[in-house]
C-alpha atoms as a PDB file:
ATOM      1  CA  UNK A   1     124.485  -5.855 128.215  1.00  0.00           C
ATOM      2  CA  UNK A   2     120.723  -6.186 128.205  1.00  0.00           C
ATOM      3  CA  UNK A   3     118.330  -3.332 128.950  1.00  0.00           C
ATOM      4  CA  UNK A   4     116.023  -3.477 131.905  1.00  0.00           C
ATOM      5  CA  UNK A   5     112.451  -3.950 130.749  1.00  0.00           C
ATOM      6  CA  UNK A   6     109.351  -3.402 132.757  1.00  0.00           C
ATOM      7  CA  UNK A   7     106.529  -5.821 132.622  1.00  0.00           C
ATOM      8  CA  UNK A   8     103.627  -3.759 131.285  1.00  0.00           C
ATOM      9  CA  UNK A   9     101.161  -5.891 133.241  1.00  0.00           C
ATOM     10  CA  UNK A  10     102.817  -4.922 136.504  1.00  0.00           C
ATOM     11  CA  UNK A  11     102.557  -1.163 135.900  1.00  0.00           C
ATOM     12  CA  UNK A  12      99.799   0.595 137.828  1.00  0.00           C
ATOM     13  CA  UNK A  13      97.208   2.126 135.513  1.00  0.00           C
ATOM     14  CA  UNK A  14      95.992   5.595 136.245  1.00  0.00           C
ATOM     15  CA  UNK A  15      92.212   5.407 135.985  1.00  0.00           C
ATOM     16  CA  UNK A  16      92.009   9.153 135.420  1.00  0.00           C
ATOM     17  CA  UNK A  17      94.029   8.745 132.256  1.00  0.00           C
ATOM     18  CA  UNK A  18      91.462   6.411 130.728  1.00  0.00           C
ATOM     19  CA  UNK A  19      88.347   7.986 132.132  1.00  0.00           C
ATOM     20  CA  UNK A  20      85.984   9.245 129.442  1.00  0.00           C
ATOM     21  CA  UNK A  21      83.977  12.336 130.207  1.00  0.00           C
ATOM     22  CA  UNK A  22      80.340  11.321 130.078  1.00  0.00           C
ATOM     23  CA  UNK A  23      78.287  13.076 127.454  1.00  0.00           C
ATOM     24  CA  UNK A  24      75.540  15.352 128.677  1.00  0.00           C
ATOM     25  CA  UNK A  25      72.037  14.031 128.354  1.00  0.00           C
ATOM     26  CA  UNK A  26      70.228  15.367 125.303  1.00  0.00           C
ATOM     27  CA  UNK A  27      67.545  17.788 126.471  1.00  0.00           C
ATOM     28  CA  UNK A  28      64.064  17.443 124.988  1.00  0.00           C
ATOM     29  CA  UNK A  29      64.934  14.143 123.344  1.00  0.00           C
ATOM     30  CA  UNK A  30      61.381  13.863 122.021  1.00  0.00           C
ATOM     31  CA  UNK A  31      62.394  16.471 119.424  1.00  0.00           C
ATOM     32  CA  UNK A  32      65.017  14.110 117.972  1.00  0.00           C
ATOM     33  CA  UNK A  33      62.401  11.369 117.930  1.00  0.00           C
ATOM     34  CA  UNK A  34      60.122  13.725 115.992  1.00  0.00           C
ATOM     35  CA  UNK A  35      62.640  14.094 113.147  1.00  0.00           C
ATOM     36  CA  UNK A  36      64.250  10.659 113.378  1.00  0.00           C
ATOM     37  CA  UNK A  37      63.156   9.840 109.809  1.00  0.00           C
ATOM     38  CA  UNK A  38      65.682  12.451 108.577  1.00  0.00           C
ATOM     39  CA  UNK A  39      68.608  10.848 110.471  1.00  0.00           C
ATOM     40  CA  UNK A  40      69.539  13.986 112.411  1.00  0.00           C
ATOM     41  CA  UNK A  41      73.027  14.434 113.828  1.00  0.00           C
ATOM     42  CA  UNK A  42      73.858  16.318 117.003  1.00  0.00           C
ATOM     43  CA  UNK A  43      76.889  18.412 117.876  1.00  0.00           C
ATOM     44  CA  UNK A  44      77.707  20.644 120.825  1.00  0.00           C
ATOM     45  CA  UNK A  45      77.021  24.346 120.260  1.00  0.00           C
ATOM     46  CA  UNK A  46      77.739  26.927 122.983  1.00  0.00           C
ATOM     47  CA  UNK A  47      76.408  24.747 125.770  1.00  0.00           C
ATOM     48  CA  UNK A  48      73.468  23.594 123.670  1.00  0.00           C
ATOM     49  CA  UNK A  49      72.944  20.585 121.458  1.00  0.00           C
ATOM     50  CA  UNK A  50      72.769  21.585 117.788  1.00  0.00           C
ATOM     51  CA  UNK A  51      70.740  19.402 115.446  1.00  0.00           C
ATOM     52  CA  UNK A  52      71.746  19.010 111.823  1.00  0.00           C
ATOM     53  CA  UNK A  53      69.858  17.433 108.958  1.00  0.00           C
ATOM     54  CA  UNK A  54      72.379  16.802 106.197  1.00  0.00           C
ATOM     55  CA  UNK A  55      74.427  20.025 105.985  1.00  0.00           C
ATOM     56  CA  UNK A  56      71.787  22.298 107.505  1.00  0.00           C
ATOM     57  CA  UNK A  57      71.525  23.250 111.123  1.00  0.00           C
ATOM     58  CA  UNK A  58      67.806  23.143 111.868  1.00  0.00           C
ATOM     59  CA  UNK A  59      67.615  23.710 115.596  1.00  0.00           C
ATOM     60  CA  UNK A  60      69.388  23.641 118.914  1.00  0.00           C
ATOM     61  CA  UNK A  61      68.150  22.420 122.260  1.00  0.00           C
ATOM     62  CA  UNK A  62      69.065  24.215 125.475  1.00  0.00           C
ATOM     63  CA  UNK A  63      68.263  23.192 129.035  1.00  0.00           C
ATOM     64  CA  UNK A  64      70.624  24.915 131.467  1.00  0.00           C
ATOM     65  CA  UNK A  65      70.210  25.055 135.234  1.00  0.00           C
ATOM     66  CA  UNK A  66      71.321  28.677 135.391  1.00  0.00           C
ATOM     67  CA  UNK A  67      69.919  31.500 133.239  1.00  0.00           C
ATOM     68  CA  UNK A  68      66.954  29.365 132.285  1.00  0.00           C
ATOM     69  CA  UNK A  69      65.124  32.096 130.416  1.00  0.00           C
ATOM     70  CA  UNK A  70      66.337  30.894 126.990  1.00  0.00           C
ATOM     71  CA  UNK A  71      65.856  27.178 127.633  1.00  0.00           C
ATOM     72  CA  UNK A  72      63.865  25.423 124.953  1.00  0.00           C
ATOM     73  CA  UNK A  73      64.175  24.668 121.276  1.00  0.00           C
ATOM     74  CA  UNK A  74      66.060  27.243 119.231  1.00  0.00           C
ATOM     75  CA  UNK A  75      64.966  27.431 115.600  1.00  0.00           C
ATOM     76  CA  UNK A  76      67.593  28.205 112.965  1.00  0.00           C
ATOM     77  CA  UNK A  77      65.884  30.648 110.651  1.00  0.00           C
ATOM     78  CA  UNK A  78      66.322  34.097 109.125  1.00  0.00           C
ATOM     79  CA  UNK A  79      64.760  37.450 109.974  1.00  0.00           C
ATOM     80  CA  UNK A  80      62.599  37.379 106.867  1.00  0.00           C
ATOM     81  CA  UNK A  81      60.726  34.345 108.221  1.00  0.00           C
ATOM     82  CA  UNK A  82      60.097  35.588 111.770  1.00  0.00           C
ATOM     83  CA  UNK A  83      56.650  37.045 111.088  1.00  0.00           C
ATOM     84  CA  UNK A  84      55.284  33.973 109.324  1.00  0.00           C
ATOM     85  CA  UNK A  85      56.773  31.618 111.914  1.00  0.00           C
ATOM     86  CA  UNK A  86      55.279  33.708 114.721  1.00  0.00           C
ATOM     87  CA  UNK A  87      51.840  32.966 113.261  1.00  0.00           C
ATOM     88  CA  UNK A  88      52.605  29.242 113.668  1.00  0.00           C
ATOM     89  CA  UNK A  89      54.354  29.709 117.026  1.00  0.00           C
ATOM     90  CA  UNK A  90      52.827  32.596 119.028  1.00  0.00           C
ATOM     91  CA  UNK A  91      55.210  32.034 121.960  1.00  0.00           C
ATOM     92  CA  UNK A  92      58.331  32.192 119.735  1.00  0.00           C
ATOM     93  CA  UNK A  93      60.703  35.060 120.509  1.00  0.00           C
ATOM     94  CA  UNK A  94      64.269  36.241 120.053  1.00  0.00           C
ATOM     95  CA  UNK A  95      66.929  34.652 122.220  1.00  0.00           C
ATOM     96  CA  UNK A  96      67.875  37.046 125.020  1.00  0.00           C
ATOM     97  CA  UNK A  97      71.294  35.528 125.764  1.00  0.00           C
ATOM     98  CA  UNK A  98      72.393  36.529 122.233  1.00  0.00           C
ATOM     99  CA  UNK A  99      71.843  40.230 123.000  1.00  0.00           C
ATOM    100  CA  UNK A 100      69.235  42.809 122.137  1.00  0.00           C
ATOM    101  CA  UNK A 101      69.753  42.705 118.380  1.00  0.00           C
ATOM    102  CA  UNK A 102      67.333  40.457 116.503  1.00  0.00           C
ATOM    103  CA  UNK A 103      69.134  37.406 115.138  1.00  0.00           C
ATOM    104  CA  UNK A 104      68.121  34.539 112.902  1.00  0.00           C
ATOM    105  CA  UNK A 105      67.799  32.288 115.920  1.00  0.00           C
ATOM    106  CA  UNK A 106      64.403  32.188 117.614  1.00  0.00           C
ATOM    107  CA  UNK A 107      63.384  30.198 120.688  1.00  0.00           C
ATOM    108  CA  UNK A 108      60.349  28.160 121.556  1.00  0.00           C
ATOM    109  CA  UNK A 109      60.618  28.687 125.337  1.00  0.00           C
ATOM    110  CA  UNK A 110      60.485  25.565 127.490  1.00  0.00           C
ATOM    111  CA  UNK A 111      58.570  27.406 130.218  1.00  0.00           C
ATOM    112  CA  UNK A 112      55.549  28.072 127.977  1.00  0.00           C
ATOM    113  CA  UNK A 113      52.478  25.836 128.449  1.00  0.00           C
ATOM    114  CA  UNK A 114      52.415  24.890 124.743  1.00  0.00           C
ATOM    115  CA  UNK A 115      56.145  24.093 124.529  1.00  0.00           C
ATOM    116  CA  UNK A 116      55.908  20.386 123.641  1.00  0.00           C
ATOM    117  CA  UNK A 117      53.139  21.005 121.125  1.00  0.00           C
ATOM    118  CA  UNK A 118      55.128  23.839 119.503  1.00  0.00           C
ATOM    119  CA  UNK A 119      58.348  21.791 119.415  1.00  0.00           C
ATOM    120  CA  UNK A 120      56.551  18.877 117.742  1.00  0.00           C
ATOM    121  CA  UNK A 121      54.977  21.285 115.239  1.00  0.00           C
ATOM    122  CA  UNK A 122      58.497  22.525 114.427  1.00  0.00           C
ATOM    123  CA  UNK A 123      59.491  18.890 113.850  1.00  0.00           C
ATOM    124  CA  UNK A 124      56.610  18.518 111.395  1.00  0.00           C
ATOM    125  CA  UNK A 125      57.810  21.586 109.485  1.00  0.00           C
ATOM    126  CA  UNK A 126      61.373  20.224 109.395  1.00  0.00           C
ATOM    127  CA  UNK A 127      60.083  16.862 108.114  1.00  0.00           C
ATOM    128  CA  UNK A 128      58.153  18.729 105.411  1.00  0.00           C
ATOM    129  CA  UNK A 129      61.392  20.574 104.501  1.00  0.00           C
ATOM    130  CA  UNK A 130      59.822  23.963 105.243  1.00  0.00           C
ATOM    131  CA  UNK A 131      62.314  26.533 103.888  1.00  0.00           C
ATOM    132  CA  UNK A 132      61.747  28.802 106.895  1.00  0.00           C
ATOM    133  CA  UNK A 133      63.605  26.457 109.250  1.00  0.00           C
ATOM    134  CA  UNK A 134      67.234  25.505 108.751  1.00  0.00           C
ATOM    135  CA  UNK A 135      70.286  27.217 107.377  1.00  0.00           C
ATOM    136  CA  UNK A 136      73.785  26.380 106.305  1.00  0.00           C
ATOM    137  CA  UNK A 137      76.345  27.244 108.967  1.00  0.00           C
ATOM    138  CA  UNK A 138      78.517  30.264 108.115  1.00  0.00           C
ATOM    139  CA  UNK A 139      81.631  28.345 107.070  1.00  0.00           C
ATOM    140  CA  UNK A 140      79.626  26.145 104.721  1.00  0.00           C
ATOM    141  CA  UNK A 141      77.552  28.772 102.926  1.00  0.00           C
ATOM    142  CA  UNK A 142      80.002  28.966 100.039  1.00  0.00           C
ATOM    143  CA  UNK A 143      80.556  25.641  98.352  1.00  0.00           C
ATOM    144  CA  UNK A 144      83.925  24.394  97.191  1.00  0.00           C
ATOM    145  CA  UNK A 145      82.811  24.756  93.557  1.00  0.00           C
ATOM    146  CA  UNK A 146      81.803  28.395  94.188  1.00  0.00           C
ATOM    147  CA  UNK A 147      85.183  29.138  95.757  1.00  0.00           C
ATOM    148  CA  UNK A 148      87.002  27.517  92.838  1.00  0.00           C
ATOM    149  CA  UNK A 149      84.926  29.470  90.305  1.00  0.00           C
ATOM    150  CA  UNK A 150      85.640  32.679  92.217  1.00  0.00           C
ATOM    151  CA  UNK A 151      89.408  32.017  92.176  1.00  0.00           C
ATOM    152  CA  UNK A 152      89.295  31.163  88.469  1.00  0.00           C
ATOM    153  CA  UNK A 153      87.492  34.387  87.573  1.00  0.00           C
ATOM    154  CA  UNK A 154      89.913  36.364  89.733  1.00  0.00           C
ATOM    155  CA  UNK A 155      92.906  34.810  87.987  1.00  0.00           C
ATOM    156  CA  UNK A 156      91.396  35.662  84.610  1.00  0.00           C
ATOM    157  CA  UNK A 157      91.064  39.304  85.589  1.00  0.00           C
ATOM    158  CA  UNK A 158      94.779  39.606  86.400  1.00  0.00           C
ATOM    159  CA  UNK A 159      97.872  38.472  84.589  1.00  0.00           C
ATOM    160  CA  UNK A 160     100.540  37.413  86.997  1.00  0.00           C
ATOM    161  CA  UNK A 161     104.054  36.281  86.306  1.00  0.00           C
ATOM    162  CA  UNK A 162     107.072  35.459  88.323  1.00  0.00           C
ATOM    163  CA  UNK A 163     109.472  38.259  89.166  1.00  0.00           C
ATOM    164  CA  UNK A 164     112.194  36.400  87.268  1.00  0.00           C
ATOM    165  CA  UNK A 165     110.283  36.626  84.009  1.00  0.00           C
ATOM    166  CA  UNK A 166     110.586  40.389  83.991  1.00  0.00           C
ATOM    167  CA  UNK A 167     106.941  40.886  83.003  1.00  0.00           C
ATOM    168  CA  UNK A 168     104.766  43.450  84.685  1.00  0.00           C
ATOM    169  CA  UNK A 169     101.609  42.530  86.526  1.00  0.00           C
ATOM    170  CA  UNK A 170      98.820  44.137  84.584  1.00  0.00           C
ATOM    171  CA  UNK A 171      95.063  44.388  84.932  1.00  0.00           C
ATOM    172  CA  UNK A 172      92.950  43.186  82.020  1.00  0.00           C
ATOM    173  CA  UNK A 173      89.950  45.316  81.189  1.00  0.00           C
ATOM    174  CA  UNK A 174      87.449  42.523  80.625  1.00  0.00           C
ATOM    175  CA  UNK A 175      86.959  38.916  79.732  1.00  0.00           C
END
């Protein structure tokens, strides 16, 4: 007895099944143009567009319709560089949506009159590989080689054996 087979061409296709969600437009696209020579990559980041150059996150761009106060270009930096960057970017400030504590992220606010000029200046610093802008994301700060070296040194500091061997686990005093 043969099985009933449906003709795939006669099946109705559900358009919703194949619909691709359109990607949001990149805000402040001129910033990507400003660092295009470094082949930046973008990824979504908490409703923003994060910009990476190689493994470093250098900035994020935010342009939301609601809570617009932190719209602009967010610079990935560290607290130690805030003062020197503020000399280059007088309108730079901490990001309010991240809370009251000062973080490494600083914003060049889109509502400031010098926004485009400041954003392009940030691009120049990124092109020049200024160490004040850009950082490795948290999960990537420790390299694979560092992790392996850490595990190796840990295994040297302890002798371990299987429970079947009858040996005790002992600490070594130094290597």
